[in-house]
Amino acid sequence: MTHYHGALCLISCSSGLHFAEKILKEVNKKRQIDIEILNTEEVVFANTELKAVINESIRGKDVFIIQDVENHHNGKSVDENLRALYTMIGACKRCDANYITAVIPSFPYARQDKQSGREDITAARIAWELEGDLGADHIITMDLHNTAIQGFFRSAQIENLRGSHVLLPFIQKEISNPKETVIIPTDLGGATAANYYAQKLHTEVAFTYKTRNYSKANSIEDIEIMGDIKDKTVYIIDDIIDSGGTFCKALEVAKENGAKKVIGITTFALFNNNAVTKLQKCYNNKILDKIICTDAALIPKELLKKHRWIEVVSIAEYFAEIIHRLNVRQSIGELLG
């Protein structure tokens, strides 16, 4: 492998274009000569087969392919977005790109990371496919649901960025009295993240314990809070808000335990199924004050205009800095903590 990966080249799959355009703007602030997103196409045949077409030369270039696999607002599923990424990676390999990095803020199937019954460990399968013979050399993702997923990769490098890198400075500006503020996770699995936020923000920390009905998807039986949150401003942290069941239950229990104000923090505001309706109801009932999230997954502008309780902190500059440093072969260690 050469020490120089080649000239920087940004490629976007169709579902990642919204994020790619933000990254491009930030990347160009760091360069003497502006670049553009490469001209590509995703062709869908009548039988729903997909192929990627690259309309410019990428021979010898350092290619970063940007995809938002959780973007369903164009009617595409995770699997369709993942297949689009695979075909784009394959096209780049066949067109003799020197080095290929897949930029996927939300790692697909990250919650399928271990086996508890007669099932596949799909997160491992995705890792193997991403780094296969026609796969990527490097993966950039964020807040893996289980950091052990990094161990599924054998040849490709993987960078697991932290949503806290952008969320913490934003939240710190909002906290006027750390002694009257408590950070809690939605379950014990988030205890490490809650501790990290509490230490950085110099606040108190409490914990939750939930019982889940495993006979149904996204079904929570009960949540208990361990710690004093009475008359405190409570920040409930979760890496993902999907259908909103767990999160809404945590909001309700926090209020029942005397929280003065309840604010949500999440990296991935997926808001699937009727999550927005549930959260709007919590907001109307003064259980939820607001949710602070990143743009790691697309939230349409129309949704943001309609629901003012959603506040978005962009990760585009963070990803752009990582991409820039990797291209010019500079250290990124200080950006990973």
Protein backbone atom coordinates (compact mmCIF):
# COMPACT_ATOMS: atom_id res chain seq x y z
CA MET A 1 0.00 0.00 0.00
CA THR A 2 1.27 3.46 -0.87
CA HIS A 3 1.57 6.17 1.74
CA TYR A 4 -0.40 8.48 -0.54
CA HIS A 5 -3.95 7.33 -1.23
CA GLY A 6 -4.51 9.65 -4.18
CA ALA A 7 -6.52 12.78 -4.94
CA LEU A 8 -9.62 13.20 -2.79
CA CYS A 9 -12.87 12.13 -4.45
CA LEU A 10 -16.36 12.26 -2.89
CA ILE A 11 -19.08 9.94 -4.20
CA SER A 12 -22.63 9.79 -2.89
CA CYS A 13 -25.27 7.10 -3.12
CA SER A 14 -28.70 8.63 -3.72
CA SER A 15 -29.89 8.14 -0.11
CA GLY A 16 -26.72 9.77 1.23
CA LEU A 17 -26.77 12.84 -1.00
CA HIS A 18 -28.26 15.13 1.67
CA PHE A 19 -25.33 14.33 3.98
CA ALA A 20 -22.72 14.31 1.20
CA GLU A 21 -23.63 17.87 0.22
CA LYS A 22 -23.08 19.03 3.82
CA ILE A 23 -19.73 17.24 3.99
CA LEU A 24 -18.65 18.70 0.65
CA LYS A 25 -19.29 22.23 1.90
CA GLU A 26 -17.18 21.62 5.01
CA VAL A 27 -14.40 19.75 3.17
CA ASN A 28 -13.97 22.62 0.70
CA LYS A 29 -13.39 25.02 3.62
CA LYS A 30 -10.26 23.00 4.42
CA ARG A 31 -8.83 22.86 0.87
CA GLN A 32 -7.13 25.31 -1.46
CA ILE A 33 -8.94 23.90 -4.52
CA ASP A 34 -12.65 23.04 -4.32
CA ILE A 35 -13.90 19.60 -5.34
CA GLU A 36 -17.36 18.44 -6.39
CA ILE A 37 -19.37 15.31 -5.69
CA LEU A 38 -18.57 12.90 -8.52
CA ASN A 39 -21.17 12.37 -11.25
CA THR A 40 -22.73 8.93 -10.67
CA GLU A 41 -26.05 7.19 -11.22
CA GLU A 42 -28.08 4.48 -9.54
CA VAL A 43 -30.01 2.63 -12.23
CA VAL A 44 -33.04 0.60 -11.09
CA PHE A 45 -34.39 -1.97 -13.54
CA ALA A 46 -38.02 -3.03 -13.91
CA ASN A 47 -37.40 -6.13 -11.80
CA THR A 48 -35.94 -3.85 -9.03
CA GLU A 49 -32.30 -4.87 -9.67
CA LEU A 50 -29.87 -2.03 -9.07
CA LYS A 51 -26.55 -1.01 -10.57
CA ALA A 52 -24.20 1.91 -9.93
CA VAL A 53 -22.69 3.82 -12.84
CA ILE A 54 -19.67 6.13 -12.46
CA ASN A 55 -19.57 8.81 -15.14
CA GLU A 56 -16.08 10.20 -14.44
CA SER A 57 -12.63 8.68 -14.05
CA ILE A 58 -11.60 7.69 -10.52
CA ARG A 59 -8.45 5.77 -11.46
CA GLY A 60 -5.84 6.13 -8.72
CA LYS A 61 -8.05 8.31 -6.50
CA ASP A 62 -8.82 8.27 -2.79
CA VAL A 63 -12.57 7.67 -2.90
CA PHE A 64 -15.03 8.29 -0.04
CA ILE A 65 -18.52 6.86 -0.68
CA ILE A 66 -21.22 8.46 1.48
CA GLN A 67 -24.44 6.60 2.26
CA ASP A 68 -27.27 7.01 4.77
CA VAL A 69 -28.66 3.48 5.03
CA GLU A 70 -31.39 4.67 7.42
CA ASN A 71 -32.84 7.18 4.94
CA HIS A 72 -36.31 5.82 4.16
CA HIS A 73 -37.81 9.13 3.11
CA ASN A 74 -37.22 8.29 -0.55
CA GLY A 75 -39.03 4.98 -0.13
CA LYS A 76 -35.91 2.82 0.15
CA SER A 77 -35.29 0.20 2.82
CA VAL A 78 -32.07 -0.43 4.74
CA ASP A 79 -31.41 -3.41 2.47
CA GLU A 80 -31.92 -1.37 -0.70
CA ASN A 81 -29.63 1.38 0.59
CA LEU A 82 -27.06 -1.22 1.59
CA ARG A 83 -27.19 -2.85 -1.86
CA ALA A 84 -26.70 0.58 -3.46
CA LEU A 85 -23.58 1.01 -1.32
CA TYR A 86 -22.26 -2.43 -2.30
CA THR A 87 -22.73 -1.78 -6.01
CA MET A 88 -21.03 1.62 -5.73
CA ILE A 89 -18.06 0.07 -3.90
CA GLY A 90 -17.86 -2.65 -6.55
CA ALA A 91 -17.97 -0.10 -9.37
CA CYS A 92 -15.14 1.87 -7.73
CA LYS A 93 -13.00 -1.27 -7.43
CA ARG A 94 -13.56 -2.16 -11.08
CA CYS A 95 -12.76 1.43 -12.13
CA ASP A 96 -9.38 1.15 -10.36
CA ALA A 97 -9.82 3.55 -7.45
CA ASN A 98 -6.66 3.46 -5.37
CA TYR A 99 -8.35 3.46 -1.96
CA ILE A 100 -12.03 3.20 -1.02
CA THR A 101 -13.66 4.39 2.21
CA ALA A 102 -17.33 3.74 2.97
CA VAL A 103 -18.81 6.57 5.04
CA ILE A 104 -21.89 5.16 6.78
CA PRO A 105 -22.81 7.12 9.93
CA SER A 106 -25.41 4.50 10.95
CA PHE A 107 -23.96 1.00 10.69
CA PRO A 108 -26.59 -1.34 9.18
CA TYR A 109 -27.87 -4.22 11.33
CA ALA A 110 -25.80 -2.97 14.29
CA ARG A 111 -28.45 -4.26 16.71
CA GLN A 112 -28.06 -7.78 15.29
CA ASP A 113 -24.66 -8.12 16.94
CA LYS A 114 -24.97 -11.35 18.94
CA GLN A 115 -26.81 -14.65 18.86
CA SER A 116 -29.46 -15.44 21.45
CA GLY A 117 -31.43 -18.04 19.48
CA ARG A 118 -31.68 -19.61 16.02
CA GLU A 119 -30.57 -16.49 14.19
CA ASP A 120 -27.70 -15.00 12.25
CA ILE A 121 -25.26 -12.44 13.65
CA THR A 122 -26.10 -10.12 10.79
CA ALA A 123 -23.78 -7.30 11.89
CA ALA A 124 -20.86 -9.68 11.35
CA ARG A 125 -22.15 -10.66 7.91
CA ILE A 126 -22.37 -6.97 6.92
CA ALA A 127 -18.75 -6.46 8.05
CA TRP A 128 -17.58 -9.41 5.96
CA GLU A 129 -19.48 -8.16 2.91
CA LEU A 130 -18.19 -4.59 3.26
CA GLU A 131 -14.56 -5.73 3.33
CA GLY A 132 -14.83 -8.65 0.86
CA ASP A 133 -12.84 -9.09 -2.35
CA LEU A 134 -14.78 -6.23 -3.96
CA GLY A 135 -15.12 -4.37 -0.68
CA ALA A 136 -13.93 -1.19 0.97
CA ASP A 137 -10.48 -0.58 2.43
CA HIS A 138 -11.78 1.65 5.23
CA ILE A 139 -15.08 2.21 7.06
CA ILE A 140 -16.14 5.38 8.85
CA THR A 141 -19.19 5.02 11.08
CA MET A 142 -20.54 6.47 14.33
CA ASP A 143 -21.65 5.22 17.76
CA LEU A 144 -21.75 1.50 16.99
CA HIS A 145 -24.53 -0.09 19.04
CA ASN A 146 -21.90 -2.53 20.28
CA THR A 147 -18.22 -1.57 19.91
CA ALA A 148 -17.39 -5.29 19.60
CA ILE A 149 -18.63 -5.00 16.00
CA GLN A 150 -15.21 -3.51 15.21
CA GLY A 151 -13.81 -6.98 15.85
CA PHE A 152 -15.85 -8.41 12.98
CA PHE A 153 -13.52 -6.67 10.51
CA ARG A 154 -10.36 -8.51 9.56
CA SER A 155 -8.79 -6.53 6.71
CA ALA A 156 -10.60 -3.18 6.45
CA GLN A 157 -9.82 -0.42 8.92
CA ILE A 158 -12.82 0.93 10.83
CA GLU A 159 -13.23 4.27 12.58
CA ASN A 160 -16.05 4.46 15.14
CA LEU A 161 -16.67 8.18 15.63
CA ARG A 162 -18.50 9.54 18.68
CA GLY A 163 -21.71 11.52 18.51
CA SER A 164 -20.68 13.02 21.84
CA HIS A 165 -17.92 14.89 20.00
CA VAL A 166 -20.56 17.32 18.69
CA LEU A 167 -23.36 16.78 21.22
CA LEU A 168 -21.35 17.47 24.39
CA PRO A 169 -20.23 21.03 23.48
CA PHE A 170 -23.80 21.88 22.48
CA ILE A 171 -25.32 20.50 25.70
CA GLN A 172 -22.64 22.12 27.87
CA LYS A 173 -23.77 25.56 26.72
CA GLU A 174 -27.32 24.75 27.84
CA ILE A 175 -26.52 23.60 31.38
CA SER A 176 -26.57 26.51 33.82
CA ASN A 177 -26.37 24.45 37.04
CA PRO A 178 -24.62 21.06 36.75
CA LYS A 179 -25.54 20.19 40.36
CA GLU A 180 -29.22 20.34 39.45
CA THR A 181 -28.73 18.24 36.30
CA VAL A 182 -28.83 14.45 35.96
CA ILE A 183 -27.85 12.23 33.02
CA ILE A 184 -29.63 8.89 32.70
CA PRO A 185 -29.59 6.17 30.02
CA THR A 186 -32.72 4.33 28.86
CA ASP A 187 -31.25 1.03 30.07
CA LEU A 188 -28.20 -0.42 31.80
CA GLY A 189 -26.58 -1.01 28.40
CA GLY A 190 -26.20 2.76 28.11
CA ALA A 191 -24.57 3.16 31.53
CA THR A 192 -21.09 3.70 30.08
CA ALA A 193 -22.30 6.48 27.79
CA ALA A 194 -24.28 8.11 30.62
CA ASN A 195 -21.22 8.03 32.89
CA TYR A 196 -19.10 9.57 30.13
CA TYR A 197 -21.55 12.43 29.57
CA ALA A 198 -21.91 13.04 33.32
CA GLN A 199 -18.14 13.18 33.83
CA LYS A 200 -17.62 15.60 30.93
CA LEU A 201 -20.55 17.82 31.97
CA HIS A 202 -19.80 17.57 35.75
CA THR A 203 -23.37 16.48 36.48
CA GLU A 204 -25.01 13.76 38.54
CA VAL A 205 -25.84 10.40 36.97
CA ALA A 206 -28.72 7.99 37.58
CA PHE A 207 -29.50 4.65 35.96
CA THR A 208 -32.47 2.78 34.59
CA TYR A 209 -33.43 -0.86 34.46
CA LYS A 210 -35.92 -2.11 31.90
CA THR A 211 -37.74 -5.38 31.39
CA ARG A 212 -38.46 -6.25 27.77
CA ASN A 213 -41.10 -8.50 26.21
CA TYR A 214 -38.93 -10.47 23.76
CA SER A 215 -41.98 -12.09 22.13
CA LYS A 216 -42.65 -8.73 20.42
CA ALA A 217 -40.30 -6.38 18.57
CA ASN A 218 -39.60 -3.04 20.29
CA SER A 219 -41.74 -3.97 23.30
CA ILE A 220 -40.91 -2.71 26.81
CA GLU A 221 -42.72 -4.01 29.88
CA ASP A 222 -41.42 -1.62 32.54
CA ILE A 223 -38.61 0.82 33.45
CA GLU A 224 -37.28 1.65 36.92
CA ILE A 225 -34.95 4.57 37.77
CA MET A 226 -32.13 4.09 40.30
CA GLY A 227 -31.11 7.48 41.65
CA ASP A 228 -32.54 10.82 42.79
CA ILE A 229 -33.91 12.99 39.97
CA LYS A 230 -36.58 14.89 41.92
CA ASP A 231 -36.71 18.59 40.92
CA LYS A 232 -33.73 18.07 38.59
CA THR A 233 -33.26 18.75 34.89
CA VAL A 234 -32.90 15.28 33.39
CA TYR A 235 -31.11 14.44 30.13
CA ILE A 236 -32.13 10.99 28.90
CA ILE A 237 -29.48 9.56 26.59
CA ASP A 238 -29.90 6.78 24.03
CA ASP A 239 -27.85 6.02 20.94
CA ILE A 240 -30.96 5.31 18.83
CA ILE A 241 -34.59 6.42 18.99
CA ASP A 242 -36.30 4.02 16.62
CA SER A 243 -40.01 3.42 17.19
CA GLY A 244 -39.88 5.52 20.38
CA GLY A 245 -41.40 2.97 22.76
CA THR A 246 -38.47 2.70 25.16
CA PHE A 247 -37.75 6.40 25.04
CA CYS A 248 -41.33 7.52 25.72
CA LYS A 249 -41.57 5.08 28.62
CA ALA A 250 -38.34 6.54 30.06
CA LEU A 251 -39.77 10.06 29.71
CA GLU A 252 -42.93 9.08 31.58
CA VAL A 253 -41.02 7.35 34.40
CA ALA A 254 -38.67 10.35 34.76
CA LYS A 255 -41.65 12.68 35.21
CA GLU A 256 -43.28 10.27 37.65
CA ASN A 257 -40.05 10.39 39.69
CA GLY A 258 -40.25 14.17 39.96
CA ALA A 259 -38.02 15.43 37.14
CA LYS A 260 -38.49 19.18 36.64
CA LYS A 261 -37.48 19.14 32.99
CA VAL A 262 -36.76 16.22 30.64
CA ILE A 263 -34.59 16.51 27.53
CA GLY A 264 -33.63 13.70 25.18
CA ILE A 265 -30.19 13.14 23.66
CA THR A 266 -29.61 10.76 20.76
CA THR A 267 -27.21 10.29 17.88
CA PHE A 268 -29.68 8.51 15.60
CA ALA A 269 -33.18 9.99 15.56
CA LEU A 270 -34.67 7.37 13.23
CA PHE A 271 -38.29 8.11 14.22
CA ASN A 272 -39.75 5.03 12.53
CA ASN A 273 -43.36 3.87 12.58
CA ASN A 274 -45.41 6.25 14.76
CA ALA A 275 -42.47 7.48 16.89
CA VAL A 276 -43.07 11.16 16.04
CA THR A 277 -46.73 10.86 17.05
CA LYS A 278 -45.76 9.29 20.39
CA LEU A 279 -43.12 11.93 21.08
CA GLN A 280 -45.45 14.77 20.07
CA LYS A 281 -47.97 13.44 22.59
CA CYS A 282 -45.26 13.47 25.28
CA TYR A 283 -44.42 17.04 24.32
CA ASN A 284 -48.10 18.10 24.41
CA ASN A 285 -48.47 16.51 27.86
CA LYS A 286 -45.36 18.40 29.08
CA ILE A 287 -43.46 15.17 29.66
CA LEU A 288 -40.84 16.01 27.01
CA ASP A 289 -39.19 19.41 26.63
CA LYS A 290 -37.12 18.65 23.53
CA ILE A 291 -34.85 16.13 21.82
CA ILE A 292 -31.30 17.04 20.84
CA CYS A 293 -30.05 14.81 18.03
CA THR A 294 -27.55 14.74 15.17
CA ASP A 295 -28.12 14.61 11.42
CA ALA A 296 -26.46 11.17 11.20
CA ALA A 297 -29.82 10.01 9.82
CA LEU A 298 -31.94 12.28 7.66
CA ILE A 299 -34.75 14.24 9.35
CA PRO A 300 -36.69 16.07 6.59
CA LYS A 301 -36.95 19.86 6.86
CA GLU A 302 -40.75 19.62 6.82
CA LEU A 303 -40.65 17.46 9.96
CA LEU A 304 -38.32 19.91 11.72
CA LYS A 305 -40.58 22.87 10.88
CA LYS A 306 -43.64 21.07 12.19
CA HIS A 307 -42.08 19.72 15.39
CA ARG A 308 -40.07 22.44 17.10
CA TRP A 309 -39.10 20.09 19.94
CA ILE A 310 -36.52 18.47 17.62
CA GLU A 311 -33.15 20.23 17.73
CA VAL A 312 -30.43 19.03 15.33
CA VAL A 313 -26.67 19.34 15.79
CA SER A 314 -24.77 18.64 12.57
CA ILE A 315 -21.95 16.10 12.40
CA ALA A 316 -20.97 17.19 8.85
CA GLU A 317 -17.95 19.28 9.90
CA TYR A 318 -16.76 16.43 12.15
CA PHE A 319 -16.92 13.90 9.30
CA ALA A 320 -15.36 16.41 6.89
CA GLU A 321 -12.39 16.89 9.22
CA ILE A 322 -11.91 13.11 9.48
CA ILE A 323 -12.10 12.73 5.68
CA HIS A 324 -9.67 15.61 5.11
CA ARG A 325 -7.12 14.28 7.60
CA LEU A 326 -7.30 10.74 6.25
CA ASN A 327 -6.73 12.01 2.73
CA VAL A 328 -3.69 14.10 3.65
CA ARG A 329 -2.43 11.35 6.01
CA GLN A 330 -2.75 13.27 9.27
CA SER A 331 -3.56 11.80 12.67
CA ILE A 332 -7.22 11.57 13.70
CA GLY A 333 -6.62 10.15 17.17
CA GLU A 334 -7.63 13.33 19.00
CA LEU A 335 -11.00 13.30 17.18
CA LEU A 336 -11.93 9.79 18.29
CA GLY A 337 -12.00 10.34 22.06
